[in-house]
Each structure stands twice: as structure tokens, then as C-alpha cells.
Amino acid sequence: MEILKDVLKPGLKVVFCGAAAGVQSAHLGAYYAGHGIQFWGVLYEIELTPRQLELYEFGPLPNYGIGLTDLAKSRHGADSVLRSSDFDRDCLRRKIEQYAPVPLAFNGKRAAREFYSHAVDYGRQPALIGQTVVFVLPSTSGAGRRFWNKSYWRKLARFVKAQ
């Protein structure tokens, strides 16, 4: 059973992919919920949304060209409780090939590392998924605050706006 339903459709400007729904997100049934999560504010700051959306407004994100998914769809929790077997790489690859967003942006290294099965650096990745460019961004979670660097998010926004 999926913890959070995907927010996907063909032709999106960007799809964000996290490792898994957090505890608060699973409890509320809303993406990027919880104390200290910067996701909604960052989308506005980098001008991918015209205003700061509330977490319950994730359903209409495709109206802004934005989609959401997670690599682990049937488990939730912090990275520290997730096992490699919780992640469905093939499913994510099929979704990205089917919906073909311009870029896929991993929100945090954990999801990207699990997808690729090796360490990754922040920024644009050398390999495509189908025709989709891939970015790895610092996590917007409170736990990822020590690695926070908005410059990678700004580079993603410039790429999205240039398409």
C-alpha cells in the first residue's frame, strides 16, 4: 500500500523525489509535512511557485508543472529506519520514463544513492533516465539542515525556467 499517492502527469517541468514519506507526512497524508521542513518555502524562494504553498496544496502542484513521488512508496520514516530493500528503483525508473519530466530532482542524497546504488554528489548528474535530466539536491528536511545549500536548488530552478 502506498503511503502517499504520486503527484504525476506527463509533461511536468520537474518532479521531486524523496527517499520516503516522513512520519508526519504519513500521519497527515501530505508531502513534506513536519517541523523544520523547508520544501514549500524553497519552492517559492526559487520561484517555481508564485506564492508559498501550504503542505495540503500538494495535489494541484501539476498546475505549476511540479510533480512529487518517493523512492520508497510503502514505508515511511526517517532515513535511519529505512532499509535498502524498502526502495523500488525499477518502479521509479518506469514512472520517470513514462511521464518524462524535464528533470527529476532527488530531494536529498539518500534517495539518489539508493536509486543509483552508489555514492552521488549534489548537482546535475551525468546519466539520464530515458530523456530526463537528473539533479541531486540537499535535503529540505530538518535533519538535513547541516548540509543545506540553496545554490543547488537555484541551479535547478534556472534549468527548469530555461526549458
N, C-alpha and C. Protein backbone atom coordinates (compact mmCIF):
# COMPACT_ATOMS: atom_id res chain seq x y z
N MET A 1 0.84 -1.19 0.00
CA MET A 1 0.00 0.00 0.00
C MET A 1 0.88 1.25 0.00
N GLU A 2 0.54 2.19 -0.85
CA GLU A 2 1.31 3.43 -0.92
C GLU A 2 0.99 4.33 0.27
N ILE A 3 2.04 4.90 0.86
CA ILE A 3 1.85 5.85 1.97
C ILE A 3 1.27 7.15 1.42
N LEU A 4 1.88 7.69 0.37
CA LEU A 4 1.39 8.90 -0.30
C LEU A 4 1.24 8.60 -1.79
N LYS A 5 0.14 8.99 -2.36
CA LYS A 5 -0.07 8.82 -3.79
C LYS A 5 0.86 9.76 -4.56
N ASP A 6 1.36 9.26 -5.68
CA ASP A 6 2.18 10.11 -6.54
C ASP A 6 1.38 11.29 -7.05
N VAL A 7 2.07 12.38 -7.29
CA VAL A 7 1.50 13.56 -7.95
C VAL A 7 2.28 13.67 -9.26
N LEU A 8 1.78 12.97 -10.27
CA LEU A 8 2.49 12.87 -11.54
C LEU A 8 1.52 12.98 -12.71
N LYS A 9 2.01 13.53 -13.79
CA LYS A 9 1.30 13.53 -15.07
C LYS A 9 2.34 13.81 -16.14
N PRO A 10 2.05 13.51 -17.40
CA PRO A 10 3.02 13.78 -18.46
C PRO A 10 3.30 15.28 -18.61
N GLY A 11 4.52 15.59 -19.02
CA GLY A 11 4.88 16.95 -19.38
C GLY A 11 5.22 17.88 -18.24
N LEU A 12 5.52 17.36 -17.07
CA LEU A 12 5.86 18.24 -15.94
C LEU A 12 7.23 18.88 -16.14
N LYS A 13 7.37 20.09 -15.62
CA LYS A 13 8.65 20.82 -15.70
C LYS A 13 9.69 20.21 -14.77
N VAL A 14 9.26 19.61 -13.64
CA VAL A 14 10.17 18.99 -12.68
C VAL A 14 9.38 18.04 -11.79
N VAL A 15 10.01 16.93 -11.44
CA VAL A 15 9.46 16.00 -10.45
C VAL A 15 10.47 15.90 -9.32
N PHE A 16 9.99 16.09 -8.09
CA PHE A 16 10.83 15.94 -6.90
C PHE A 16 10.60 14.55 -6.32
N CYS A 17 11.69 13.90 -5.95
CA CYS A 17 11.61 12.55 -5.39
C CYS A 17 12.37 12.51 -4.08
N GLY A 18 11.68 12.16 -3.02
CA GLY A 18 12.30 11.95 -1.72
C GLY A 18 12.59 10.48 -1.50
N ALA A 19 13.25 10.16 -0.41
CA ALA A 19 13.51 8.76 -0.07
C ALA A 19 12.20 8.07 0.30
N ALA A 20 11.46 8.66 1.22
CA ALA A 20 10.18 8.10 1.69
C ALA A 20 9.43 9.19 2.44
N ALA A 21 8.15 8.98 2.61
CA ALA A 21 7.36 9.92 3.42
C ALA A 21 7.87 9.89 4.85
N GLY A 22 7.99 11.06 5.45
CA GLY A 22 8.36 11.14 6.85
C GLY A 22 7.19 10.73 7.73
N VAL A 23 7.44 10.61 9.01
CA VAL A 23 6.40 10.20 9.96
C VAL A 23 5.22 11.17 9.92
N GLN A 24 5.48 12.46 9.99
CA GLN A 24 4.41 13.45 9.98
C GLN A 24 3.67 13.47 8.64
N SER A 25 4.40 13.32 7.55
CA SER A 25 3.76 13.27 6.23
C SER A 25 2.82 12.08 6.13
N ALA A 26 3.27 10.92 6.61
CA ALA A 26 2.43 9.73 6.58
C ALA A 26 1.18 9.93 7.46
N HIS A 27 1.38 10.52 8.61
CA HIS A 27 0.27 10.76 9.54
C HIS A 27 -0.76 11.72 8.95
N LEU A 28 -0.29 12.79 8.31
CA LEU A 28 -1.19 13.80 7.76
C LEU A 28 -1.65 13.50 6.34
N GLY A 29 -0.97 12.57 5.66
CA GLY A 29 -1.31 12.28 4.28
C GLY A 29 -0.93 13.40 3.34
N ALA A 30 0.17 14.08 3.64
CA ALA A 30 0.61 15.23 2.84
C ALA A 30 2.13 15.21 2.69
N TYR A 31 2.60 15.49 1.51
CA TYR A 31 4.04 15.54 1.25
C TYR A 31 4.71 16.68 2.02
N TYR A 32 5.93 16.42 2.45
CA TYR A 32 6.81 17.41 3.09
C TYR A 32 6.13 18.14 4.24
N ALA A 33 5.55 17.36 5.14
CA ALA A 33 4.96 17.88 6.37
C ALA A 33 5.97 17.70 7.49
N GLY A 34 5.80 18.40 8.54
CA GLY A 34 6.67 18.20 9.70
C GLY A 34 7.47 19.43 10.04
N HIS A 35 7.90 19.45 11.27
CA HIS A 35 8.66 20.57 11.81
C HIS A 35 10.02 20.69 11.12
N GLY A 36 10.36 21.87 10.69
CA GLY A 36 11.68 22.13 10.14
C GLY A 36 11.85 21.85 8.67
N ILE A 37 10.83 21.35 8.00
CA ILE A 37 10.96 21.05 6.57
C ILE A 37 10.79 22.36 5.79
N GLN A 38 11.75 22.62 4.92
CA GLN A 38 11.80 23.89 4.18
C GLN A 38 11.22 23.81 2.76
N PHE A 39 10.76 22.65 2.35
CA PHE A 39 10.40 22.41 0.96
C PHE A 39 9.48 23.47 0.37
N TRP A 40 8.36 23.74 1.03
CA TRP A 40 7.36 24.65 0.46
C TRP A 40 7.89 26.07 0.35
N GLY A 41 8.65 26.51 1.33
CA GLY A 41 9.25 27.84 1.28
C GLY A 41 10.30 27.95 0.19
N VAL A 42 11.08 26.90 0.01
CA VAL A 42 12.14 26.91 -1.01
C VAL A 42 11.53 26.96 -2.40
N LEU A 43 10.45 26.21 -2.64
CA LEU A 43 9.81 26.29 -3.97
C LEU A 43 9.44 27.72 -4.33
N TYR A 44 8.94 28.45 -3.34
CA TYR A 44 8.58 29.85 -3.56
C TYR A 44 9.83 30.72 -3.72
N GLU A 45 10.81 30.53 -2.87
CA GLU A 45 12.03 31.35 -2.93
C GLU A 45 12.76 31.22 -4.26
N ILE A 46 12.76 30.02 -4.84
CA ILE A 46 13.45 29.83 -6.12
C ILE A 46 12.50 30.06 -7.30
N GLU A 47 11.31 30.55 -6.98
CA GLU A 47 10.31 30.99 -7.96
C GLU A 47 9.77 29.88 -8.86
N LEU A 48 9.60 28.68 -8.28
CA LEU A 48 8.91 27.63 -9.00
C LEU A 48 7.41 27.67 -8.72
N THR A 49 7.02 28.38 -7.66
CA THR A 49 5.60 28.64 -7.38
C THR A 49 5.43 30.14 -7.17
N PRO A 50 4.27 30.69 -7.50
CA PRO A 50 4.06 32.14 -7.39
C PRO A 50 3.87 32.64 -5.96
N ARG A 51 3.63 31.71 -5.03
CA ARG A 51 3.48 32.04 -3.62
C ARG A 51 3.88 30.82 -2.82
N GLN A 52 4.06 30.99 -1.53
CA GLN A 52 4.39 29.83 -0.70
C GLN A 52 3.13 29.01 -0.48
N LEU A 53 3.15 27.81 -1.00
CA LEU A 53 2.02 26.91 -0.86
C LEU A 53 2.04 26.25 0.52
N GLU A 54 0.87 25.86 0.96
CA GLU A 54 0.74 25.09 2.20
C GLU A 54 0.88 23.61 1.86
N LEU A 55 1.30 22.82 2.81
CA LEU A 55 1.53 21.41 2.52
C LEU A 55 0.30 20.69 2.00
N TYR A 56 -0.89 21.13 2.36
CA TYR A 56 -2.10 20.49 1.87
C TYR A 56 -2.40 20.86 0.42
N GLU A 57 -1.62 21.74 -0.17
CA GLU A 57 -1.83 22.14 -1.55
C GLU A 57 -0.97 21.32 -2.52
N PHE A 58 -0.49 20.16 -2.09
CA PHE A 58 0.38 19.38 -2.96
C PHE A 58 -0.38 18.80 -4.16
N GLY A 59 -1.67 18.55 -4.03
CA GLY A 59 -2.46 17.97 -5.13
C GLY A 59 -2.44 18.80 -6.40
N PRO A 60 -2.62 20.12 -6.32
CA PRO A 60 -2.60 20.95 -7.53
C PRO A 60 -1.20 21.32 -8.04
N LEU A 61 -0.14 20.77 -7.47
CA LEU A 61 1.21 21.12 -7.93
C LEU A 61 1.41 20.96 -9.44
N PRO A 62 0.79 19.96 -10.09
CA PRO A 62 0.96 19.87 -11.54
C PRO A 62 0.51 21.13 -12.29
N ASN A 63 -0.37 21.93 -11.69
CA ASN A 63 -0.75 23.21 -12.32
C ASN A 63 0.44 24.15 -12.44
N TYR A 64 1.45 23.94 -11.60
CA TYR A 64 2.69 24.72 -11.65
C TYR A 64 3.80 23.96 -12.38
N GLY A 65 3.47 22.80 -12.94
CA GLY A 65 4.45 21.99 -13.65
C GLY A 65 5.32 21.14 -12.74
N ILE A 66 4.86 20.91 -11.51
CA ILE A 66 5.65 20.20 -10.50
C ILE A 66 4.97 18.89 -10.11
N GLY A 67 5.77 17.83 -10.02
CA GLY A 67 5.28 16.54 -9.56
C GLY A 67 6.04 16.07 -8.34
N LEU A 68 5.48 15.09 -7.64
CA LEU A 68 6.08 14.54 -6.43
C LEU A 68 5.97 13.02 -6.41
N THR A 69 7.00 12.38 -5.90
CA THR A 69 7.00 10.95 -5.64
C THR A 69 8.06 10.65 -4.60
N ASP A 70 8.12 9.39 -4.19
CA ASP A 70 9.15 8.91 -3.27
C ASP A 70 9.70 7.61 -3.81
N LEU A 71 10.92 7.30 -3.45
CA LEU A 71 11.55 6.06 -3.88
C LEU A 71 11.00 4.86 -3.10
N ALA A 72 10.67 5.06 -1.85
CA ALA A 72 10.02 4.02 -1.03
C ALA A 72 8.56 4.43 -0.88
N LYS A 73 7.67 3.71 -1.51
CA LYS A 73 6.25 4.09 -1.51
C LYS A 73 5.45 3.40 -0.40
N SER A 74 5.94 2.27 0.11
CA SER A 74 5.13 1.52 1.08
C SER A 74 5.71 1.54 2.49
N ARG A 75 6.72 2.35 2.71
CA ARG A 75 7.29 2.52 4.05
C ARG A 75 7.51 3.99 4.30
N HIS A 76 7.46 4.38 5.56
CA HIS A 76 7.70 5.78 5.91
C HIS A 76 8.66 5.84 7.08
N GLY A 77 9.22 7.03 7.28
CA GLY A 77 10.11 7.25 8.41
C GLY A 77 11.38 7.95 8.00
N ALA A 78 12.20 8.21 8.99
CA ALA A 78 13.49 8.87 8.76
C ALA A 78 14.42 7.94 8.01
N ASP A 79 15.42 8.51 7.36
CA ASP A 79 16.40 7.71 6.63
C ASP A 79 17.00 6.61 7.49
N SER A 80 17.18 6.89 8.76
CA SER A 80 17.84 5.93 9.65
C SER A 80 17.05 4.64 9.85
N VAL A 81 15.75 4.63 9.58
CA VAL A 81 14.95 3.42 9.76
C VAL A 81 14.66 2.70 8.44
N LEU A 82 15.01 3.31 7.33
CA LEU A 82 14.75 2.71 6.03
C LEU A 82 15.87 1.75 5.64
N ARG A 83 15.47 0.61 5.07
CA ARG A 83 16.43 -0.37 4.58
C ARG A 83 16.51 -0.29 3.06
N SER A 84 17.59 -0.73 2.52
CA SER A 84 17.76 -0.71 1.07
C SER A 84 16.62 -1.45 0.37
N SER A 85 16.11 -2.51 0.98
CA SER A 85 15.03 -3.28 0.37
C SER A 85 13.69 -2.53 0.33
N ASP A 86 13.59 -1.40 1.03
CA ASP A 86 12.37 -0.60 1.02
C ASP A 86 12.20 0.21 -0.27
N PHE A 87 13.28 0.38 -1.01
CA PHE A 87 13.29 1.25 -2.18
C PHE A 87 13.00 0.47 -3.45
N ASP A 88 12.16 1.04 -4.31
CA ASP A 88 11.80 0.38 -5.57
C ASP A 88 12.37 1.19 -6.74
N ARG A 89 13.60 0.89 -7.06
CA ARG A 89 14.31 1.60 -8.14
C ARG A 89 13.63 1.42 -9.49
N ASP A 90 13.25 0.17 -9.79
CA ASP A 90 12.65 -0.11 -11.10
C ASP A 90 11.33 0.63 -11.28
N CYS A 91 10.55 0.70 -10.22
CA CYS A 91 9.27 1.42 -10.29
C CYS A 91 9.51 2.90 -10.59
N LEU A 92 10.47 3.51 -9.90
CA LEU A 92 10.76 4.93 -10.15
C LEU A 92 11.23 5.11 -11.59
N ARG A 93 12.11 4.26 -12.05
CA ARG A 93 12.60 4.37 -13.43
C ARG A 93 11.43 4.30 -14.43
N ARG A 94 10.52 3.36 -14.23
CA ARG A 94 9.36 3.24 -15.13
C ARG A 94 8.51 4.50 -15.10
N LYS A 95 8.28 5.04 -13.91
CA LYS A 95 7.48 6.27 -13.81
C LYS A 95 8.13 7.43 -14.54
N ILE A 96 9.43 7.58 -14.36
CA ILE A 96 10.13 8.71 -15.00
C ILE A 96 10.15 8.52 -16.51
N GLU A 97 10.37 7.30 -16.97
CA GLU A 97 10.33 7.06 -18.41
C GLU A 97 8.92 7.28 -18.96
N GLN A 98 7.89 6.91 -18.20
CA GLN A 98 6.51 7.10 -18.66
C GLN A 98 6.11 8.57 -18.70
N TYR A 99 6.37 9.30 -17.61
CA TYR A 99 5.90 10.68 -17.51
C TYR A 99 6.88 11.69 -18.10
N ALA A 100 8.14 11.31 -18.22
CA ALA A 100 9.18 12.11 -18.88
C ALA A 100 9.22 13.57 -18.45
N PRO A 101 9.38 13.84 -17.14
CA PRO A 101 9.57 15.23 -16.73
C PRO A 101 10.89 15.75 -17.30
N VAL A 102 11.02 17.06 -17.39
CA VAL A 102 12.26 17.62 -17.92
C VAL A 102 13.41 17.22 -17.00
N PRO A 103 13.41 17.62 -15.71
CA PRO A 103 14.33 16.98 -14.79
C PRO A 103 13.59 16.24 -13.68
N LEU A 104 14.28 15.26 -13.15
CA LEU A 104 13.92 14.62 -11.89
C LEU A 104 14.90 15.18 -10.88
N ALA A 105 14.40 15.63 -9.74
CA ALA A 105 15.25 16.20 -8.70
C ALA A 105 15.09 15.38 -7.42
N PHE A 106 16.17 14.70 -7.03
CA PHE A 106 16.15 13.98 -5.77
C PHE A 106 16.32 14.98 -4.64
N ASN A 107 15.39 14.97 -3.71
CA ASN A 107 15.44 15.85 -2.55
C ASN A 107 16.24 15.12 -1.46
N GLY A 108 17.55 15.25 -1.54
CA GLY A 108 18.45 14.58 -0.60
C GLY A 108 19.24 13.48 -1.28
N LYS A 109 20.42 13.23 -0.73
CA LYS A 109 21.30 12.22 -1.31
C LYS A 109 20.83 10.80 -1.09
N ARG A 110 20.11 10.54 -0.01
CA ARG A 110 19.74 9.15 0.29
C ARG A 110 18.95 8.52 -0.86
N ALA A 111 17.93 9.20 -1.33
CA ALA A 111 17.12 8.64 -2.42
C ALA A 111 17.98 8.41 -3.67
N ALA A 112 18.82 9.36 -4.01
CA ALA A 112 19.67 9.23 -5.19
C ALA A 112 20.67 8.09 -5.02
N ARG A 113 21.27 8.01 -3.86
CA ARG A 113 22.25 6.95 -3.59
C ARG A 113 21.58 5.57 -3.69
N GLU A 114 20.38 5.44 -3.17
CA GLU A 114 19.66 4.17 -3.26
C GLU A 114 19.25 3.86 -4.71
N PHE A 115 18.85 4.88 -5.45
CA PHE A 115 18.46 4.68 -6.85
C PHE A 115 19.64 4.21 -7.68
N TYR A 116 20.77 4.87 -7.53
CA TYR A 116 21.96 4.56 -8.34
C TYR A 116 22.80 3.43 -7.77
N SER A 117 22.58 3.07 -6.52
CA SER A 117 23.36 2.04 -5.83
C SER A 117 24.84 2.41 -5.68
N HIS A 118 25.11 3.70 -5.60
CA HIS A 118 26.47 4.18 -5.32
C HIS A 118 26.39 5.63 -4.82
N ALA A 119 27.49 6.11 -4.29
CA ALA A 119 27.55 7.48 -3.77
C ALA A 119 27.32 8.47 -4.91
N VAL A 120 26.72 9.60 -4.57
CA VAL A 120 26.45 10.66 -5.54
C VAL A 120 26.87 12.00 -4.96
N ASP A 121 27.11 12.95 -5.83
CA ASP A 121 27.38 14.33 -5.42
C ASP A 121 26.14 15.16 -5.72
N TYR A 122 26.07 16.32 -5.08
CA TYR A 122 24.99 17.26 -5.37
C TYR A 122 25.17 17.82 -6.77
N GLY A 123 24.06 18.23 -7.37
CA GLY A 123 24.10 18.87 -8.67
C GLY A 123 23.54 17.98 -9.76
N ARG A 124 23.75 18.42 -10.99
CA ARG A 124 23.28 17.68 -12.17
C ARG A 124 24.11 16.42 -12.33
N GLN A 125 23.43 15.32 -12.60
CA GLN A 125 24.09 14.03 -12.74
C GLN A 125 24.42 13.76 -14.20
N PRO A 126 25.47 12.99 -14.46
CA PRO A 126 25.88 12.75 -15.85
C PRO A 126 24.93 11.86 -16.65
N ALA A 127 24.23 10.94 -15.98
CA ALA A 127 23.37 9.99 -16.70
C ALA A 127 21.91 10.46 -16.70
N LEU A 128 21.24 10.19 -17.80
CA LEU A 128 19.82 10.49 -17.93
C LEU A 128 18.99 9.26 -17.54
N ILE A 129 17.72 9.48 -17.24
CA ILE A 129 16.74 8.40 -17.13
C ILE A 129 15.82 8.59 -18.31
N GLY A 130 15.95 7.75 -19.31
CA GLY A 130 15.25 8.00 -20.58
C GLY A 130 15.76 9.30 -21.14
N GLN A 131 14.87 10.28 -21.30
CA GLN A 131 15.25 11.62 -21.77
C GLN A 131 15.33 12.63 -20.63
N THR A 132 15.17 12.17 -19.40
CA THR A 132 15.07 13.05 -18.24
C THR A 132 16.42 13.32 -17.60
N VAL A 133 16.74 14.59 -17.42
CA VAL A 133 17.94 15.02 -16.71
C VAL A 133 17.71 14.80 -15.21
N VAL A 134 18.76 14.48 -14.47
CA VAL A 134 18.64 14.20 -13.05
C VAL A 134 19.51 15.17 -12.24
N PHE A 135 18.91 15.71 -11.18
CA PHE A 135 19.62 16.56 -10.22
C PHE A 135 19.55 15.90 -8.85
N VAL A 136 20.59 16.09 -8.04
CA VAL A 136 20.57 15.70 -6.63
C VAL A 136 20.72 16.99 -5.84
N LEU A 137 19.76 17.23 -4.94
CA LEU A 137 19.71 18.47 -4.17
C LEU A 137 19.88 18.19 -2.68
N PRO A 138 20.41 19.15 -1.94
CA PRO A 138 20.43 19.00 -0.48
C PRO A 138 19.00 18.87 0.04
N SER A 139 18.82 18.01 1.00
CA SER A 139 17.50 17.74 1.56
C SER A 139 16.92 18.98 2.24
N THR A 140 15.62 19.15 2.08
CA THR A 140 14.91 20.24 2.75
C THR A 140 14.40 19.82 4.13
N SER A 141 14.76 18.62 4.57
CA SER A 141 14.31 18.16 5.89
C SER A 141 15.07 18.87 7.00
N GLY A 142 14.47 18.90 8.17
CA GLY A 142 15.16 19.47 9.33
C GLY A 142 16.44 18.72 9.65
N ALA A 143 16.42 17.39 9.45
CA ALA A 143 17.60 16.57 9.74
C ALA A 143 18.75 16.89 8.77
N GLY A 144 18.43 17.37 7.59
CA GLY A 144 19.46 17.67 6.60
C GLY A 144 19.99 19.10 6.67
N ARG A 145 19.59 19.83 7.68
CA ARG A 145 19.93 21.26 7.80
C ARG A 145 21.44 21.52 7.74
N ARG A 146 22.23 20.63 8.32
CA ARG A 146 23.69 20.87 8.35
C ARG A 146 24.32 20.80 6.96
N PHE A 147 23.62 20.18 5.99
CA PHE A 147 24.14 20.09 4.63
C PHE A 147 23.47 21.10 3.69
N TRP A 148 22.63 21.95 4.27
CA TRP A 148 21.80 22.83 3.45
C TRP A 148 22.64 23.79 2.63
N ASN A 149 22.29 23.90 1.36
CA ASN A 149 22.94 24.82 0.44
C ASN A 149 21.93 25.10 -0.67
N LYS A 150 21.34 26.27 -0.62
CA LYS A 150 20.28 26.62 -1.57
C LYS A 150 20.80 26.82 -2.99
N SER A 151 22.10 26.96 -3.18
CA SER A 151 22.62 27.21 -4.51
C SER A 151 22.28 26.09 -5.49
N TYR A 152 22.25 24.85 -5.03
CA TYR A 152 21.86 23.73 -5.91
C TYR A 152 20.40 23.82 -6.32
N TRP A 153 19.57 24.26 -5.41
CA TRP A 153 18.15 24.46 -5.72
C TRP A 153 17.98 25.60 -6.72
N ARG A 154 18.77 26.64 -6.57
CA ARG A 154 18.71 27.76 -7.53
C ARG A 154 19.16 27.32 -8.93
N LYS A 155 20.19 26.48 -9.00
CA LYS A 155 20.65 25.96 -10.30
C LYS A 155 19.55 25.12 -10.94
N LEU A 156 18.86 24.31 -10.15
CA LEU A 156 17.75 23.55 -10.69
C LEU A 156 16.69 24.49 -11.24
N ALA A 157 16.32 25.51 -10.49
CA ALA A 157 15.29 26.46 -10.93
C ALA A 157 15.69 27.14 -12.23
N ARG A 158 16.95 27.54 -12.36
CA ARG A 158 17.41 28.16 -13.61
C ARG A 158 17.27 27.18 -14.78
N PHE A 159 17.62 25.93 -14.54
CA PHE A 159 17.48 24.91 -15.58
C PHE A 159 16.02 24.74 -15.99
N VAL A 160 15.14 24.63 -15.00
CA VAL A 160 13.70 24.45 -15.26
C VAL A 160 13.15 25.63 -16.05
N LYS A 161 13.49 26.83 -15.66
CA LYS A 161 12.97 28.03 -16.33
C LYS A 161 13.52 28.20 -17.73
N ALA A 162 14.69 27.63 -18.02
CA ALA A 162 15.30 27.75 -19.33
C ALA A 162 14.69 26.79 -20.35
N GLN A 163 13.92 25.84 -19.89
CA GLN A 163 13.34 24.82 -20.79
C GLN A 163 12.09 25.34 -21.48
